[in-house]
Protein backbone atom coordinates (compact mmCIF):
# COMPACT_ATOMS: atom_id res chain seq x y z
CA MET A 1 -25.00 4.18 -0.51
CA MET A 2 -23.01 2.82 -3.43
CA GLU A 3 -22.59 -0.95 -3.75
CA ARG A 4 -19.01 -2.24 -3.94
CA ASN A 5 -17.85 -5.52 -5.43
CA LYS A 6 -15.26 -7.82 -3.87
CA ASN A 7 -12.45 -6.40 -6.06
CA ASP A 8 -13.09 -2.97 -4.58
CA MET A 9 -12.66 -4.18 -1.01
CA LEU A 10 -8.89 -3.71 -1.14
CA THR A 11 -9.06 -0.18 -2.54
CA CYS A 12 -9.82 3.07 -0.78
CA PHE A 13 -13.14 4.55 -1.87
CA CYS A 14 -11.73 8.10 -1.72
CA CYS A 15 -8.46 7.86 -3.67
CA LYS A 16 -9.15 4.57 -5.55
CA LYS A 17 -5.68 3.27 -4.57
CA PHE A 18 -4.90 -0.08 -3.03
CA TYR A 19 -4.70 -0.27 0.73
CA ASN A 20 -1.30 -1.21 2.09
CA LEU A 21 0.25 -1.66 5.51
CA GLN A 22 2.00 1.73 5.53
CA GLU A 23 0.60 5.14 4.55
CA ARG A 24 -2.53 3.66 2.95
CA ARG A 25 -3.39 1.41 5.89
CA PRO A 26 -7.17 0.99 6.16
CA VAL A 27 -8.88 2.77 9.07
CA GLN A 28 -12.49 2.52 10.16
CA LEU A 29 -14.43 5.66 11.00
CA PRO A 30 -16.77 5.66 14.01
CA CYS A 31 -19.68 5.32 11.56
CA GLY A 32 -18.25 1.95 10.46
CA ASP A 33 -17.03 2.87 6.96
CA VAL A 34 -13.39 2.39 5.92
CA LEU A 35 -10.88 4.58 4.08
CA CYS A 36 -7.09 4.72 3.90
CA MET A 37 -4.97 6.49 6.50
CA GLN A 38 -3.68 8.95 3.90
CA CYS A 39 -7.20 10.07 2.93
CA TYR A 40 -8.21 10.19 6.59
CA HIS A 41 -5.28 12.49 7.41
CA ASN A 42 -5.96 14.66 4.35
CA GLN A 43 -9.58 15.12 5.42
CA ARG A 44 -8.71 15.65 9.08
CA ASP A 45 -6.08 18.27 8.22
CA GLN A 46 -8.47 20.18 5.94
CA VAL A 47 -11.51 20.02 8.18
CA GLN A 48 -12.70 23.41 9.41
CA ASN A 49 -15.68 22.45 11.53
CA GLN A 50 -13.82 19.70 13.46
CA GLN A 51 -15.81 16.96 11.70
CA ILE A 52 -14.84 14.45 9.07
CA GLN A 53 -17.39 13.55 6.44
CA CYS A 54 -17.77 9.87 5.63
CA PRO A 55 -16.84 9.22 1.97
CA PHE A 56 -19.82 6.85 1.55
CA ASP A 57 -22.59 8.83 3.20
CA ALA A 58 -22.45 12.63 3.52
CA SER A 59 -24.87 12.49 6.46
CA HIS A 60 -22.25 10.60 8.52
CA LEU A 61 -20.15 13.22 10.28
CA CYS A 62 -17.44 12.09 12.67
CA ALA A 63 -15.68 14.39 15.13
CA ASN A 64 -12.01 14.46 14.18
CA ASN A 65 -10.99 13.77 17.79
CA GLN A 66 -12.89 10.46 17.90
CA PRO A 67 -10.63 7.42 17.88
CA ILE A 68 -10.37 5.51 14.65
CA ILE A 69 -10.64 1.73 14.65
CA GLN A 70 -8.29 -0.73 12.96
CA PRO A 71 -10.40 -2.99 10.69
CA LEU A 72 -8.58 -6.15 11.77
CA PHE A 73 -10.17 -8.45 9.19
CA LEU A 74 -8.99 -6.21 6.35
CA ILE A 75 -5.54 -5.69 7.88
CA ARG A 76 -5.09 -9.45 8.36
CA SER A 77 -6.11 -9.99 4.77
CA LEU A 78 -3.51 -7.46 3.61
CA GLU A 79 -0.85 -9.12 5.75
CA GLN A 80 -1.62 -12.50 4.18
CA HIS A 81 -1.67 -11.10 0.65
CA ASP A 82 1.11 -8.54 0.66
CA PHE A 83 0.87 -7.48 -3.00
CA TYR A 84 4.33 -5.97 -3.14
CA LEU A 85 6.20 -8.61 -1.17
CA ILE A 86 8.99 -10.29 -3.09
CA ASN A 87 10.39 -13.33 -1.34
CA CYS A 88 13.98 -14.46 -1.61
CA ASP A 89 14.64 -17.41 -3.94
CA LYS A 90 17.08 -19.06 -1.51
CA HIS A 91 15.10 -18.24 1.66
CA PRO A 92 11.41 -18.32 0.66
CA LYS A 93 10.19 -17.21 4.09
CA GLN A 94 12.37 -14.07 3.96
CA ALA A 95 11.34 -10.89 2.17
CA SER A 96 13.80 -9.63 -0.43
CA GLU A 97 14.85 -6.18 0.66
CA VAL A 98 17.86 -5.46 -1.55
CA TYR A 99 18.52 -5.52 -5.28
CA CYS A 100 21.90 -6.91 -6.37
CA LYS A 101 23.13 -5.31 -9.60
CA ASN A 102 25.79 -7.98 -10.17
CA GLN A 103 23.30 -10.83 -10.02
CA ASN A 104 20.35 -8.80 -11.34
CA LYS A 105 18.02 -10.11 -8.65
CA MET A 106 16.36 -9.33 -5.35
CA VAL A 107 17.97 -10.81 -2.23
CA CYS A 108 17.22 -10.96 1.49
CA SER A 109 19.45 -9.78 4.34
CA LYS A 110 20.70 -13.35 4.93
CA CYS A 111 21.93 -13.62 1.35
CA LEU A 112 23.84 -10.34 1.65
CA GLN A 113 26.09 -11.87 4.30
CA PHE A 114 27.27 -14.80 2.18
CA ASP A 115 28.74 -15.52 -1.25
CA PRO A 116 28.13 -14.53 -3.98
CA HIS A 117 27.16 -11.23 -2.35
CA GLN A 118 30.37 -10.61 -0.42
CA HIS A 119 31.11 -7.87 -2.97
CA HIS A 120 28.50 -5.84 -1.05
CA PHE A 121 31.14 -5.15 1.63
CA GLN A 122 33.78 -4.00 -0.86
CA ASP A 123 31.43 -1.99 -3.09
CA PRO A 124 28.08 -1.10 -1.51
CA THR A 125 26.95 0.64 -4.73
CA GLN A 126 26.35 -2.82 -6.22
CA HIS A 127 23.30 -3.23 -3.99
CA PHE A 128 20.46 -0.89 -3.19
CA ALA A 129 17.52 -1.08 -0.83
CA PHE A 130 14.15 -1.87 -2.31
CA ASP A 131 11.12 0.07 -1.09
CA PRO A 132 7.75 -1.53 -2.02
CA LYS A 133 6.12 1.90 -2.37
CA PHE A 134 8.17 2.45 -5.56
CA LEU A 135 6.73 -0.76 -6.98
CA GLU A 136 3.21 0.44 -6.16
CA GLU A 137 3.88 3.79 -7.86
CA SER A 138 5.22 1.98 -10.93
CA PHE A 139 2.16 -0.27 -11.08
CA GLU A 140 -0.14 2.75 -10.87
CA ARG A 141 1.69 4.47 -13.77
CA VAL A 142 1.56 1.32 -15.88
CA LEU A 143 -2.13 0.81 -15.12
CA ALA A 144 -2.90 4.37 -16.19
CA ILE A 145 -1.11 3.79 -19.51
CA LEU A 146 -2.86 0.46 -20.08
CA ARG A 147 -6.27 1.97 -19.30
CA GLU A 148 -5.61 4.78 -21.75
CA GLU A 149 -4.53 2.33 -24.43
CA ALA A 150 -7.56 0.14 -23.82
CA LYS A 151 -9.84 3.19 -23.42
CA ILE A 152 -11.13 1.88 -20.09
CA PRO A 153 -12.81 4.62 -18.07
CA ILE A 154 -11.32 5.26 -14.63
CA ASP A 155 -13.94 5.14 -11.87
CA LYS A 156 -14.02 8.26 -9.73
């Protein structure tokens, strides 16, 4: 079994992408090892002998109808450290969900209802919804470019 360092704990061993609370939510196999929901579904959908092979140990085979477990410690950690969460400047406990073109900043739903964002009601094209998955995709593209420039090998 391969040893992982603490920086690897928030990345899926299969796809090498950061866990998140949506499509890459961490899931624990019956053998105890963890991978992201996306990799789990990819393996489950491609499995021909009704068993999923553990990404850490090929001798661990899990029936694809066995329930998966939510690794609560890891999920709580992700909830506390939401990497792609952008909080509102005016309402720090609110997540910014919308980008305002006029003000060139992210705002929360509370801000949209009041000045200076009343223009949202007259011209909705001045605001657009922000989806954190686009930020993750952008980070991954930038990281690939930086690794290439720095000639850092990508672990596979």
